[in-house]
Structure formats: C-alpha cells, structure tokens
Amino acid sequence: MTTYFEKMQRLNQLVAKAENNYVAAVRSAALRGTPRPVRHKCFISYHGADIDGVTQLVDDFNDVFIPRVVGVSDSDYLKDPVNSQDEEYIKAQIGARYLSDSTVTILYVGKCTWARKYVDWELSSTLRDDSVNKRNGLLAITSSDRSTNTLPERFTDNWASDGSLYARYQYYPTSESSLRGWIEDAFQARTSRWHLINNSRALRKTDSTC
C-alpha cells in the first residue's frame, strides 16, 4: 500500500518534471528563434484525500502549466501556519508563503474539499490584492459529478453557472488546449473581472465534518 508520504514524493517529482519541461521548452524556442512558450504558474488548492487526482492532473498536463507549491493542504498544516486570530494577518501570511509565486489558483474539487478551513484560507488569499501578493485568477476543476459536489462557500461567492462572476468551474479537461484556454482566461480575469470579486466572508475557523 502506497503511503501518503510516498504519494507526496511522486507528486513533487512531477512538479519538478513540469518545471524542467518548461525550461527545456524555453531553451528550444531560443535556439529556433521562436517565441517562448506561455505557461502560467498555478497554485493548486486541494483536500489531501484528493492527492491521487491532483497527481493525475499534474502528470497529464505537465506541458500546459507550471505547478507551484503543490501540496499546501491539510496534510502540510500539521500546525497552523500562523499563530494568530487576526484574519488580515493570516491572509497575508498564506499569500506570502504559498501564493506569491503564482498567477492562477486551481481549486481541485473533491467530495470534502468544501470542509477544510485551509482551502478557505487559500481561496481568500487568492482573491486578495495588496503589496504582499497580487490576486490570482481562480479556476475550479473536478473529475466527479458537479451536481453532487459541495463547493467551498467562498468559491460560490465568486462563481455563477452563467459565467457572470469572477471564477470558473470546469470538468476535468479532455485536452491540453482546453486546459490552456481555461488557465489563460483565469489569468486575464485578474484585470478583466477583478471588480466582480467577493472576498468579504469571514475566514473559516474550523474544519467541518464531511
């Protein structure tokens, strides 16, 4: 039986592979005299129970985006990353530690994603725009039936099925071009849809029973 630690090792190897693939693609483009490839840096927020799905996403699409700080989820928060009840401080710390080197946040939606306080903290920092970290685009992806998924409340504050709000919610991509388009849309939303952001909800203080 594969342990969670072994699964994290595998995921980290794939993250490194995606980074190396991008570096190689940039060098190849320079040698050919062609434009360098566009691959956005994407932070992945997820429940630790969904690590297999996240690993599959990174493995399937390592030529599409550059994963950043994958694994910052409940499994990594053995203790709260900040010892504070100040919500603004918590948001700033999450942003500075985990999201500052990314431009798009991908929320991987599984059965219990909605119940984790750390997912809520990451989404709140994603939507925050200040001197510490600029806002990220926000894209949710699921491999399960959307009609049966419970979404994190902060995500539902920013998503509408008609596309009228800031975030987007998609099924697991069936092609590289689909995912590339979704990520580019989320990247552009930082400036084109920023005024639609609703980040007024108080931070979740505890996990919920799923």
N, C-alpha and C. Protein backbone atom coordinates (compact mmCIF):
# COMPACT_ATOMS: atom_id res chain seq x y z
N MET A 1 0.84 -1.20 0.00
CA MET A 1 0.00 0.00 0.00
C MET A 1 0.88 1.25 0.00
N THR A 2 0.58 2.15 -0.90
CA THR A 2 1.36 3.38 -1.01
C THR A 2 0.99 4.35 0.10
N THR A 3 1.97 4.84 0.83
CA THR A 3 1.71 5.78 1.92
C THR A 3 1.50 7.19 1.37
N TYR A 4 0.94 8.05 2.20
CA TYR A 4 0.74 9.43 1.77
C TYR A 4 2.07 10.11 1.49
N PHE A 5 3.07 9.80 2.31
CA PHE A 5 4.40 10.38 2.09
C PHE A 5 4.94 9.99 0.72
N GLU A 6 4.76 8.73 0.34
CA GLU A 6 5.23 8.27 -0.97
C GLU A 6 4.46 8.95 -2.09
N LYS A 7 3.17 9.18 -1.87
CA LYS A 7 2.37 9.89 -2.87
C LYS A 7 2.86 11.33 -3.02
N MET A 8 3.21 11.97 -1.91
CA MET A 8 3.73 13.33 -1.98
C MET A 8 5.07 13.37 -2.70
N GLN A 9 5.89 12.36 -2.49
CA GLN A 9 7.17 12.28 -3.20
C GLN A 9 6.93 12.20 -4.71
N ARG A 10 5.99 11.37 -5.09
CA ARG A 10 5.66 11.23 -6.52
C ARG A 10 5.15 12.55 -7.08
N LEU A 11 4.29 13.22 -6.35
CA LEU A 11 3.75 14.50 -6.82
C LEU A 11 4.86 15.53 -6.94
N ASN A 12 5.75 15.59 -5.98
CA ASN A 12 6.85 16.54 -6.04
C ASN A 12 7.77 16.25 -7.23
N GLN A 13 7.95 14.99 -7.56
CA GLN A 13 8.75 14.64 -8.73
C GLN A 13 8.10 15.15 -10.02
N LEU A 14 6.78 15.06 -10.08
CA LEU A 14 6.07 15.54 -11.26
C LEU A 14 6.10 17.07 -11.35
N VAL A 15 6.06 17.72 -10.21
CA VAL A 15 6.19 19.18 -10.20
C VAL A 15 7.55 19.58 -10.75
N ALA A 16 8.60 18.89 -10.32
CA ALA A 16 9.94 19.18 -10.83
C ALA A 16 10.02 18.89 -12.32
N LYS A 17 9.36 17.83 -12.76
CA LYS A 17 9.36 17.49 -14.18
C LYS A 17 8.71 18.60 -15.00
N ALA A 18 7.60 19.14 -14.51
CA ALA A 18 6.92 20.22 -15.23
C ALA A 18 7.81 21.45 -15.34
N GLU A 19 8.52 21.75 -14.27
CA GLU A 19 9.45 22.89 -14.28
C GLU A 19 10.56 22.65 -15.29
N ASN A 20 11.13 21.45 -15.29
CA ASN A 20 12.21 21.13 -16.22
C ASN A 20 11.73 21.15 -17.67
N ASN A 21 10.51 20.67 -17.89
CA ASN A 21 9.95 20.70 -19.24
C ASN A 21 9.84 22.13 -19.76
N TYR A 22 9.46 23.02 -18.87
CA TYR A 22 9.31 24.42 -19.29
C TYR A 22 10.66 25.03 -19.61
N VAL A 23 11.64 24.77 -18.77
CA VAL A 23 12.99 25.30 -19.01
C VAL A 23 13.52 24.79 -20.35
N ALA A 24 13.30 23.50 -20.63
CA ALA A 24 13.76 22.93 -21.89
C ALA A 24 13.03 23.55 -23.07
N ALA A 25 11.73 23.81 -22.91
CA ALA A 25 10.95 24.41 -23.99
C ALA A 25 11.40 25.84 -24.28
N VAL A 26 11.76 26.56 -23.25
CA VAL A 26 12.26 27.93 -23.42
C VAL A 26 13.59 27.93 -24.15
N ARG A 27 14.46 27.02 -23.77
CA ARG A 27 15.76 26.92 -24.44
C ARG A 27 15.59 26.53 -25.90
N SER A 28 14.70 25.61 -26.17
CA SER A 28 14.46 25.17 -27.54
C SER A 28 13.93 26.31 -28.39
N ALA A 29 13.01 27.09 -27.82
CA ALA A 29 12.45 28.23 -28.55
C ALA A 29 13.53 29.26 -28.85
N ALA A 30 14.43 29.47 -27.89
CA ALA A 30 15.51 30.44 -28.09
C ALA A 30 16.44 30.00 -29.22
N LEU A 31 16.73 28.70 -29.26
CA LEU A 31 17.60 28.18 -30.31
C LEU A 31 16.95 28.29 -31.69
N ARG A 32 15.64 28.12 -31.74
CA ARG A 32 14.93 28.21 -33.02
C ARG A 32 14.58 29.63 -33.40
N GLY A 33 14.72 30.55 -32.45
CA GLY A 33 14.35 31.93 -32.72
C GLY A 33 12.84 32.13 -32.75
N THR A 34 12.10 31.29 -32.01
CA THR A 34 10.64 31.41 -31.95
C THR A 34 10.22 31.95 -30.59
N PRO A 35 8.99 32.45 -30.47
CA PRO A 35 8.52 32.97 -29.17
C PRO A 35 8.57 31.91 -28.08
N ARG A 36 8.91 32.32 -26.88
CA ARG A 36 8.96 31.38 -25.78
C ARG A 36 7.55 30.93 -25.42
N PRO A 37 7.37 29.70 -24.99
CA PRO A 37 6.03 29.19 -24.67
C PRO A 37 5.42 29.91 -23.47
N VAL A 38 4.11 30.04 -23.46
CA VAL A 38 3.40 30.67 -22.36
C VAL A 38 2.85 29.57 -21.45
N ARG A 39 3.38 29.48 -20.25
CA ARG A 39 2.87 28.55 -19.26
C ARG A 39 2.76 29.28 -17.93
N HIS A 40 1.55 29.43 -17.47
CA HIS A 40 1.34 30.18 -16.23
C HIS A 40 1.65 29.33 -15.01
N LYS A 41 2.11 29.99 -13.97
CA LYS A 41 2.38 29.33 -12.71
C LYS A 41 1.07 29.20 -11.92
N CYS A 42 0.70 27.98 -11.59
CA CYS A 42 -0.59 27.72 -10.97
C CYS A 42 -0.43 27.06 -9.60
N PHE A 43 -0.98 27.69 -8.59
CA PHE A 43 -1.06 27.11 -7.26
C PHE A 43 -2.28 26.18 -7.23
N ILE A 44 -2.12 24.98 -6.69
CA ILE A 44 -3.23 24.03 -6.63
C ILE A 44 -3.68 23.87 -5.19
N SER A 45 -4.93 24.23 -4.94
CA SER A 45 -5.53 24.10 -3.61
C SER A 45 -6.40 22.84 -3.61
N TYR A 46 -6.23 21.99 -2.59
CA TYR A 46 -6.98 20.74 -2.60
C TYR A 46 -7.02 20.10 -1.21
N HIS A 47 -7.94 19.18 -1.03
CA HIS A 47 -8.03 18.35 0.16
C HIS A 47 -7.05 17.19 0.00
N GLY A 48 -6.33 16.84 1.05
CA GLY A 48 -5.34 15.79 0.97
C GLY A 48 -5.90 14.46 0.48
N ALA A 49 -7.20 14.23 0.69
CA ALA A 49 -7.81 12.98 0.23
C ALA A 49 -7.82 12.87 -1.29
N ASP A 50 -7.62 13.99 -1.97
CA ASP A 50 -7.68 14.02 -3.44
C ASP A 50 -6.30 14.07 -4.08
N ILE A 51 -5.28 13.68 -3.34
CA ILE A 51 -3.92 13.78 -3.88
C ILE A 51 -3.74 12.94 -5.15
N ASP A 52 -4.44 11.81 -5.26
CA ASP A 52 -4.30 11.00 -6.47
C ASP A 52 -4.81 11.74 -7.69
N GLY A 53 -5.94 12.44 -7.54
CA GLY A 53 -6.49 13.21 -8.65
C GLY A 53 -5.60 14.37 -9.04
N VAL A 54 -5.03 15.04 -8.03
CA VAL A 54 -4.12 16.16 -8.30
C VAL A 54 -2.86 15.66 -9.00
N THR A 55 -2.36 14.52 -8.55
CA THR A 55 -1.18 13.93 -9.18
C THR A 55 -1.46 13.62 -10.65
N GLN A 56 -2.63 13.09 -10.92
CA GLN A 56 -3.00 12.77 -12.30
C GLN A 56 -3.07 14.04 -13.15
N LEU A 57 -3.64 15.11 -12.58
CA LEU A 57 -3.73 16.38 -13.30
C LEU A 57 -2.34 16.91 -13.66
N VAL A 58 -1.44 16.89 -12.70
CA VAL A 58 -0.08 17.39 -12.96
C VAL A 58 0.64 16.50 -13.96
N ASP A 59 0.43 15.20 -13.88
CA ASP A 59 1.08 14.26 -14.79
C ASP A 59 0.53 14.40 -16.21
N ASP A 60 -0.78 14.52 -16.32
CA ASP A 60 -1.42 14.61 -17.64
C ASP A 60 -1.07 15.90 -18.37
N PHE A 61 -0.86 16.98 -17.62
CA PHE A 61 -0.74 18.30 -18.26
C PHE A 61 0.53 19.05 -17.85
N ASN A 62 1.63 18.30 -17.72
CA ASN A 62 2.88 18.95 -17.30
C ASN A 62 3.48 19.82 -18.39
N ASP A 63 2.91 19.79 -19.60
CA ASP A 63 3.36 20.68 -20.66
C ASP A 63 2.46 21.92 -20.80
N VAL A 64 1.47 22.05 -19.92
CA VAL A 64 0.49 23.12 -20.06
C VAL A 64 0.71 24.23 -19.03
N PHE A 65 1.03 23.87 -17.80
CA PHE A 65 1.20 24.88 -16.75
C PHE A 65 2.33 24.47 -15.83
N ILE A 66 2.77 25.41 -15.00
CA ILE A 66 3.85 25.16 -14.04
C ILE A 66 3.24 25.12 -12.64
N PRO A 67 3.16 23.94 -12.03
CA PRO A 67 2.57 23.85 -10.69
C PRO A 67 3.48 24.50 -9.66
N ARG A 68 2.87 25.23 -8.74
CA ARG A 68 3.65 25.90 -7.69
C ARG A 68 3.13 25.49 -6.32
N VAL A 69 4.02 25.13 -5.44
CA VAL A 69 3.71 24.80 -4.05
C VAL A 69 2.54 23.82 -3.96
N VAL A 70 2.53 22.83 -4.83
CA VAL A 70 1.50 21.81 -4.75
C VAL A 70 1.67 21.06 -3.45
N GLY A 71 0.58 20.78 -2.78
CA GLY A 71 0.62 20.04 -1.53
C GLY A 71 0.40 20.89 -0.32
N VAL A 72 0.24 22.19 -0.47
CA VAL A 72 -0.07 23.03 0.67
C VAL A 72 -1.55 22.84 0.98
N SER A 73 -1.81 21.81 1.74
CA SER A 73 -3.18 21.43 2.08
C SER A 73 -3.17 20.91 3.50
N ASP A 74 -4.26 20.28 3.93
CA ASP A 74 -4.35 19.86 5.32
C ASP A 74 -3.20 18.95 5.73
N SER A 75 -2.67 18.15 4.81
CA SER A 75 -1.57 17.25 5.16
C SER A 75 -0.31 18.02 5.52
N ASP A 76 -0.17 19.23 5.03
CA ASP A 76 1.03 20.03 5.28
C ASP A 76 0.88 20.96 6.48
N TYR A 77 -0.35 21.20 6.87
CA TYR A 77 -0.59 22.06 8.01
C TYR A 77 -0.65 21.21 9.28
N LEU A 78 0.48 20.63 9.67
CA LEU A 78 0.50 19.84 10.89
C LEU A 78 0.21 20.73 12.09
N LYS A 79 0.59 21.98 11.96
CA LYS A 79 0.20 23.02 12.90
C LYS A 79 -0.25 24.21 12.06
N ASP A 80 -1.08 25.05 12.62
CA ASP A 80 -1.49 26.23 11.87
C ASP A 80 -0.25 27.00 11.42
N PRO A 81 -0.22 27.43 10.15
CA PRO A 81 0.97 28.11 9.65
C PRO A 81 1.21 29.46 10.30
N VAL A 82 0.19 30.00 10.95
CA VAL A 82 0.34 31.25 11.68
C VAL A 82 -0.40 31.12 13.00
N ASN A 83 0.19 31.66 14.04
CA ASN A 83 -0.42 31.60 15.36
C ASN A 83 -1.08 32.94 15.64
N SER A 84 -2.24 33.13 15.02
CA SER A 84 -2.89 34.44 15.12
C SER A 84 -4.37 34.29 14.84
N GLN A 85 -5.16 35.14 15.47
CA GLN A 85 -6.59 35.21 15.19
C GLN A 85 -6.92 36.40 14.29
N ASP A 86 -5.89 37.15 13.89
CA ASP A 86 -6.07 38.31 13.03
C ASP A 86 -6.24 37.84 11.59
N GLU A 87 -7.43 38.00 11.04
CA GLU A 87 -7.71 37.47 9.71
C GLU A 87 -6.84 38.09 8.63
N GLU A 88 -6.62 39.38 8.70
CA GLU A 88 -5.79 40.03 7.69
C GLU A 88 -4.36 39.51 7.73
N TYR A 89 -3.87 39.25 8.92
CA TYR A 89 -2.52 38.70 9.06
C TYR A 89 -2.44 37.29 8.49
N ILE A 90 -3.46 36.48 8.78
CA ILE A 90 -3.50 35.12 8.25
C ILE A 90 -3.49 35.13 6.73
N LYS A 91 -4.34 35.97 6.13
CA LYS A 91 -4.41 36.05 4.67
C LYS A 91 -3.06 36.46 4.09
N ALA A 92 -2.45 37.45 4.72
CA ALA A 92 -1.16 37.94 4.22
C ALA A 92 -0.09 36.85 4.31
N GLN A 93 -0.09 36.09 5.41
CA GLN A 93 0.91 35.04 5.58
C GLN A 93 0.72 33.91 4.57
N ILE A 94 -0.53 33.50 4.35
CA ILE A 94 -0.79 32.46 3.36
C ILE A 94 -0.32 32.93 1.98
N GLY A 95 -0.65 34.18 1.65
CA GLY A 95 -0.24 34.72 0.35
C GLY A 95 1.26 34.78 0.19
N ALA A 96 1.94 35.27 1.23
CA ALA A 96 3.39 35.44 1.15
C ALA A 96 4.11 34.10 1.10
N ARG A 97 3.61 33.12 1.86
CA ARG A 97 4.31 31.83 1.95
C ARG A 97 4.02 30.91 0.77
N TYR A 98 2.79 30.98 0.24
CA TYR A 98 2.38 29.93 -0.67
C TYR A 98 1.92 30.40 -2.05
N LEU A 99 1.38 31.61 -2.16
CA LEU A 99 0.79 32.01 -3.43
C LEU A 99 1.60 33.07 -4.18
N SER A 100 2.64 33.61 -3.58
CA SER A 100 3.32 34.76 -4.18
C SER A 100 3.98 34.44 -5.51
N ASP A 101 4.29 33.17 -5.75
CA ASP A 101 4.97 32.80 -7.00
C ASP A 101 4.00 32.12 -7.97
N SER A 102 2.77 32.60 -8.01
CA SER A 102 1.79 32.06 -8.94
C SER A 102 0.85 33.16 -9.39
N THR A 103 0.15 32.92 -10.49
CA THR A 103 -0.80 33.91 -11.00
C THR A 103 -2.21 33.36 -11.12
N VAL A 104 -2.34 32.03 -11.06
CA VAL A 104 -3.66 31.38 -11.13
C VAL A 104 -3.74 30.33 -10.04
N THR A 105 -4.87 30.26 -9.37
CA THR A 105 -5.13 29.20 -8.41
C THR A 105 -6.10 28.20 -9.02
N ILE A 106 -5.71 26.93 -9.01
CA ILE A 106 -6.60 25.86 -9.45
C ILE A 106 -7.13 25.15 -8.20
N LEU A 107 -8.43 25.21 -8.01
CA LEU A 107 -9.07 24.51 -6.91
C LEU A 107 -9.49 23.13 -7.41
N TYR A 108 -8.89 22.08 -6.87
CA TYR A 108 -9.28 20.73 -7.25
C TYR A 108 -10.42 20.30 -6.34
N VAL A 109 -11.60 20.09 -6.91
CA VAL A 109 -12.80 19.85 -6.12
C VAL A 109 -13.07 18.35 -5.99
N GLY A 110 -13.05 17.88 -4.77
CA GLY A 110 -13.43 16.51 -4.45
C GLY A 110 -14.60 16.52 -3.49
N LYS A 111 -14.88 15.39 -2.90
CA LYS A 111 -16.06 15.24 -2.05
C LYS A 111 -16.03 16.16 -0.84
N CYS A 112 -14.86 16.30 -0.21
CA CYS A 112 -14.79 17.02 1.07
C CYS A 112 -13.98 18.30 1.01
N THR A 113 -13.67 18.77 -0.18
CA THR A 113 -12.87 19.99 -0.32
C THR A 113 -13.49 21.15 0.44
N TRP A 114 -14.80 21.26 0.37
CA TRP A 114 -15.53 22.37 0.98
C TRP A 114 -15.34 22.45 2.49
N ALA A 115 -14.99 21.33 3.13
CA ALA A 115 -14.99 21.25 4.59
C ALA A 115 -13.71 21.72 5.24
N ARG A 116 -12.66 21.96 4.45
CA ARG A 116 -11.36 22.25 5.02
C ARG A 116 -11.11 23.75 5.17
N LYS A 117 -10.73 24.16 6.38
CA LYS A 117 -10.50 25.58 6.62
C LYS A 117 -9.31 26.09 5.82
N TYR A 118 -8.31 25.25 5.60
CA TYR A 118 -7.13 25.72 4.88
C TYR A 118 -7.44 26.01 3.42
N VAL A 119 -8.37 25.27 2.83
CA VAL A 119 -8.80 25.58 1.48
C VAL A 119 -9.44 26.97 1.46
N ASP A 120 -10.27 27.25 2.45
CA ASP A 120 -10.89 28.58 2.53
C ASP A 120 -9.84 29.66 2.68
N TRP A 121 -8.83 29.42 3.50
CA TRP A 121 -7.77 30.41 3.68
C TRP A 121 -7.03 30.65 2.36
N GLU A 122 -6.77 29.58 1.63
CA GLU A 122 -6.06 29.72 0.36
C GLU A 122 -6.90 30.47 -0.67
N LEU A 123 -8.21 30.21 -0.69
CA LEU A 123 -9.08 30.93 -1.62
C LEU A 123 -9.14 32.41 -1.25
N SER A 124 -9.22 32.71 0.03
CA SER A 124 -9.28 34.10 0.45
C SER A 124 -8.01 34.84 0.05
N SER A 125 -6.85 34.19 0.23
CA SER A 125 -5.59 34.82 -0.17
C SER A 125 -5.48 34.94 -1.68
N THR A 126 -6.07 33.98 -2.40
CA THR A 126 -6.10 34.03 -3.86
C THR A 126 -6.79 35.30 -4.34
N LEU A 127 -7.86 35.68 -3.67
CA LEU A 127 -8.67 36.82 -4.09
C LEU A 127 -8.17 38.15 -3.55
N ARG A 128 -7.19 38.09 -2.68
CA ARG A 128 -6.65 39.28 -2.04
C ARG A 128 -5.67 39.99 -2.99
N ASP A 129 -5.63 41.31 -2.95
CA ASP A 129 -4.72 42.08 -3.79
C ASP A 129 -4.09 43.17 -2.96
N ASP A 130 -2.81 43.02 -2.67
CA ASP A 130 -2.12 44.01 -1.84
C ASP A 130 -0.64 44.02 -2.17
N SER A 131 0.14 44.66 -1.33
CA SER A 131 1.57 44.80 -1.59
C SER A 131 2.32 43.48 -1.41
N VAL A 132 1.75 42.52 -0.68
CA VAL A 132 2.41 41.25 -0.44
C VAL A 132 2.24 40.31 -1.63
N ASN A 133 1.02 40.15 -2.08
CA ASN A 133 0.79 39.31 -3.26
C ASN A 133 -0.40 39.85 -4.05
N LYS A 134 -0.28 39.80 -5.36
CA LYS A 134 -1.36 40.23 -6.23
C LYS A 134 -2.39 39.11 -6.34
N ARG A 135 -3.61 39.50 -6.66
CA ARG A 135 -4.66 38.49 -6.78
C ARG A 135 -4.33 37.47 -7.85
N ASN A 136 -4.83 36.27 -7.66
CA ASN A 136 -4.72 35.21 -8.65
C ASN A 136 -6.03 35.05 -9.39
N GLY A 137 -5.97 34.53 -10.61
CA GLY A 137 -7.16 34.05 -11.24
C GLY A 137 -7.64 32.81 -10.50
N LEU A 138 -8.91 32.45 -10.65
CA LEU A 138 -9.45 31.33 -9.88
C LEU A 138 -10.23 30.39 -10.79
N LEU A 139 -9.75 29.14 -10.87
CA LEU A 139 -10.34 28.11 -11.70
C LEU A 139 -10.54 26.85 -10.88
N ALA A 140 -11.75 26.31 -10.85
CA ALA A 140 -12.02 25.05 -10.16
C ALA A 140 -12.16 23.93 -11.20
N ILE A 141 -11.64 22.77 -10.85
CA ILE A 141 -11.71 21.59 -11.73
C ILE A 141 -12.16 20.40 -10.90
N THR A 142 -13.05 19.60 -11.46
CA THR A 142 -13.49 18.37 -10.79
C THR A 142 -13.57 17.23 -11.78
N SER A 143 -13.32 16.02 -11.28
CA SER A 143 -13.48 14.84 -12.12
C SER A 143 -14.78 14.11 -11.79
N SER A 144 -15.54 14.64 -10.83
CA SER A 144 -16.78 13.99 -10.41
C SER A 144 -18.00 14.77 -10.90
N ASP A 145 -19.17 14.32 -10.54
CA ASP A 145 -20.42 14.94 -10.98
C ASP A 145 -20.59 16.30 -10.31
N ARG A 146 -20.59 17.35 -11.08
CA ARG A 146 -20.71 18.69 -10.49
C ARG A 146 -21.99 18.87 -9.70
N SER A 147 -23.05 18.20 -10.12
CA SER A 147 -24.34 18.38 -9.45
C SER A 147 -24.35 17.80 -8.05
N THR A 148 -23.40 16.91 -7.75
CA THR A 148 -23.35 16.31 -6.41
C THR A 148 -22.24 16.90 -5.56
N ASN A 149 -21.41 17.76 -6.13
CA ASN A 149 -20.31 18.36 -5.37
C ASN A 149 -20.80 19.51 -4.51
N THR A 150 -20.25 19.60 -3.32
CA THR A 150 -20.45 20.78 -2.48
C THR A 150 -19.21 21.65 -2.63
N LEU A 151 -19.42 22.88 -3.03
CA LEU A 151 -18.29 23.78 -3.24
C LEU A 151 -17.99 24.58 -1.98
N PRO A 152 -16.73 24.97 -1.78
CA PRO A 152 -16.42 25.88 -0.68
C PRO A 152 -17.25 27.16 -0.80
N GLU A 153 -17.73 27.66 0.31
CA GLU A 153 -18.62 28.81 0.28
C GLU A 153 -17.98 30.03 -0.37
N ARG A 154 -16.70 30.23 -0.11
CA ARG A 154 -16.04 31.40 -0.70
C ARG A 154 -15.96 31.28 -2.22
N PHE A 155 -15.84 30.05 -2.70
CA PHE A 155 -15.85 29.87 -4.15
C PHE A 155 -17.23 30.19 -4.72
N THR A 156 -18.29 29.73 -4.06
CA THR A 156 -19.64 30.00 -4.56
C THR A 156 -19.95 31.49 -4.53
N ASP A 157 -19.30 32.24 -3.65
CA ASP A 157 -19.47 33.70 -3.64
C ASP A 157 -18.96 34.33 -4.94
N ASN A 158 -18.10 33.61 -5.63
CA ASN A 158 -17.41 34.18 -6.80
C ASN A 158 -17.64 33.40 -8.09
N TRP A 159 -18.61 32.48 -8.06
CA TRP A 159 -18.89 31.68 -9.26
C TRP A 159 -20.38 31.64 -9.56
N ALA A 160 -20.71 31.73 -10.83
CA ALA A 160 -22.09 31.56 -11.30
C ALA A 160 -22.05 30.71 -12.56
N SER A 161 -23.01 29.83 -12.71
CA SER A 161 -23.01 28.91 -13.84
C SER A 161 -23.10 29.63 -15.18
N ASP A 162 -23.62 30.88 -15.16
CA ASP A 162 -23.73 31.62 -16.42
C ASP A 162 -22.47 32.41 -16.75
N GLY A 163 -21.43 32.26 -15.91
CA GLY A 163 -20.16 32.93 -16.19
C GLY A 163 -20.14 34.41 -15.85
N SER A 164 -21.08 34.86 -15.03
CA SER A 164 -21.20 36.29 -14.76
C SER A 164 -20.33 36.76 -13.59
N LEU A 165 -19.66 35.84 -12.89
CA LEU A 165 -18.83 36.23 -11.75
C LEU A 165 -17.35 35.93 -12.03
N TYR A 166 -16.51 36.09 -11.04
CA TYR A 166 -15.06 36.07 -11.24
C TYR A 166 -14.49 34.70 -11.61
N ALA A 167 -14.90 33.67 -10.90
CA ALA A 167 -14.27 32.35 -11.04
C ALA A 167 -14.94 31.50 -12.11
N ARG A 168 -14.27 30.42 -12.48
CA ARG A 168 -14.81 29.46 -13.44
C ARG A 168 -14.71 28.06 -12.84
N TYR A 169 -15.63 27.18 -13.26
CA TYR A 169 -15.72 25.82 -12.72
C TYR A 169 -15.90 24.86 -13.88
N GLN A 170 -14.94 23.92 -14.02
CA GLN A 170 -14.92 23.04 -15.19
C GLN A 170 -14.77 21.58 -14.78
N TYR A 171 -15.22 20.69 -15.68
CA TYR A 171 -14.91 19.28 -15.52
C TYR A 171 -13.43 19.05 -15.87
N TYR A 172 -12.92 17.90 -15.47
CA TYR A 172 -11.54 17.54 -15.76
C TYR A 172 -11.30 17.69 -17.27
N PRO A 173 -10.23 18.38 -17.65
CA PRO A 173 -10.01 18.67 -19.08
C PRO A 173 -9.76 17.40 -19.91
N THR A 174 -10.25 17.44 -21.14
CA THR A 174 -10.06 16.31 -22.06
C THR A 174 -8.97 16.59 -23.08
N SER A 175 -8.40 17.78 -23.04
CA SER A 175 -7.32 18.11 -23.97
C SER A 175 -6.44 19.20 -23.38
N GLU A 176 -5.21 19.28 -23.87
CA GLU A 176 -4.31 20.34 -23.43
C GLU A 176 -4.83 21.71 -23.82
N SER A 177 -5.42 21.81 -25.00
CA SER A 177 -5.91 23.11 -25.46
C SER A 177 -7.04 23.63 -24.57
N SER A 178 -7.89 22.74 -24.08
CA SER A 178 -8.98 23.16 -23.19
C SER A 178 -8.41 23.75 -21.90
N LEU A 179 -7.52 23.01 -21.26
CA LEU A 179 -6.95 23.49 -20.00
C LEU A 179 -6.16 24.76 -20.21
N ARG A 180 -5.41 24.83 -21.29
CA ARG A 180 -4.62 26.03 -21.57
C ARG A 180 -5.54 27.25 -21.71
N GLY A 181 -6.67 27.06 -22.37
CA GLY A 181 -7.63 28.16 -22.53
C GLY A 181 -8.25 28.57 -21.21
N TRP A 182 -8.58 27.60 -20.36
CA TRP A 182 -9.18 27.92 -19.07
C TRP A 182 -8.19 28.69 -18.19
N ILE A 183 -6.95 28.26 -18.18
CA ILE A 183 -5.94 28.93 -17.37
C ILE A 183 -5.70 30.35 -17.88
N GLU A 184 -5.64 30.51 -19.19
CA GLU A 184 -5.44 31.85 -19.76
C GLU A 184 -6.61 32.76 -19.40
N ASP A 185 -7.82 32.23 -19.45
CA ASP A 185 -9.00 33.02 -19.07
C ASP A 185 -8.90 33.47 -17.61
N ALA A 186 -8.49 32.55 -16.72
CA ALA A 186 -8.35 32.90 -15.31
C ALA A 186 -7.25 33.94 -15.12
N PHE A 187 -6.17 33.81 -15.87
CA PHE A 187 -5.08 34.77 -15.80
C PHE A 187 -5.55 36.17 -16.21
N GLN A 188 -6.30 36.24 -17.31
CA GLN A 188 -6.80 37.52 -17.78
C GLN A 188 -7.86 38.11 -16.86
N ALA A 189 -8.58 37.24 -16.15
CA ALA A 189 -9.65 37.71 -15.25
C ALA A 189 -9.11 38.59 -14.14
N ARG A 190 -7.85 38.47 -13.81
CA ARG A 190 -7.26 39.30 -12.75
C ARG A 190 -7.42 40.79 -13.04
N THR A 191 -7.46 41.12 -14.32
CA THR A 191 -7.64 42.53 -14.70
C THR A 191 -8.99 42.79 -15.35
N SER A 192 -9.59 41.77 -15.97
CA SER A 192 -10.85 42.00 -16.69
C SER A 192 -12.09 41.78 -15.81
N ARG A 193 -11.96 40.94 -14.75
CA ARG A 193 -13.13 40.65 -13.92
C ARG A 193 -12.88 40.92 -12.44
N TRP A 194 -11.82 41.63 -12.11
CA TRP A 194 -11.45 41.84 -10.72
C TRP A 194 -12.57 42.50 -9.91
N HIS A 195 -13.34 43.36 -10.59
CA HIS A 195 -14.40 44.10 -9.89
C HIS A 195 -15.56 43.21 -9.44
N LEU A 196 -15.56 41.95 -9.88
CA LEU A 196 -16.61 41.02 -9.51
C LEU A 196 -16.25 40.20 -8.26
N ILE A 197 -15.05 40.37 -7.76
CA ILE A 197 -14.58 39.57 -6.63
C ILE A 197 -15.37 39.90 -5.36
N ASN A 198 -15.76 38.86 -4.65
CA ASN A 198 -16.41 38.98 -3.34
C ASN A 198 -15.58 38.18 -2.35
N ASN A 199 -14.83 38.90 -1.54
CA ASN A 199 -13.95 38.24 -0.55
C ASN A 199 -14.29 38.73 0.85
N SER A 200 -15.57 39.02 1.07
CA SER A 200 -15.99 39.62 2.33
C SER A 200 -16.27 38.61 3.43
N ARG A 201 -16.41 37.35 3.08
CA ARG A 201 -16.75 36.32 4.05
C ARG A 201 -15.63 36.16 5.08
N ALA A 202 -15.99 35.99 6.34
CA ALA A 202 -15.00 35.74 7.39
C ALA A 202 -14.31 34.42 7.14
N LEU A 203 -13.06 34.31 7.57
CA LEU A 203 -12.31 33.07 7.38
C LEU A 203 -12.95 31.93 8.18
N ARG A 204 -12.94 30.76 7.57
CA ARG A 204 -13.41 29.56 8.28
C ARG A 204 -12.46 29.27 9.43
N LYS A 205 -12.99 29.06 10.61
CA LYS A 205 -12.16 28.85 11.79
C LYS A 205 -11.82 27.39 12.04
N THR A 206 -12.72 26.50 11.63
CA THR A 206 -12.51 25.07 11.89
C THR A 206 -12.91 24.26 10.66
N ASP A 207 -12.45 23.02 10.61
CA ASP A 207 -12.93 22.10 9.59
C ASP A 207 -14.34 21.67 9.92
N SER A 208 -15.06 21.25 8.89
CA SER A 208 -16.39 20.69 9.10
C SER A 208 -16.36 19.18 8.88
N THR A 209 -17.31 18.49 9.45
CA THR A 209 -17.42 17.06 9.20
C THR A 209 -18.00 16.85 7.82
N CYS A 210 -17.34 16.05 7.01
CA CYS A 210 -17.80 15.84 5.64
C CYS A 210 -18.74 14.64 5.60
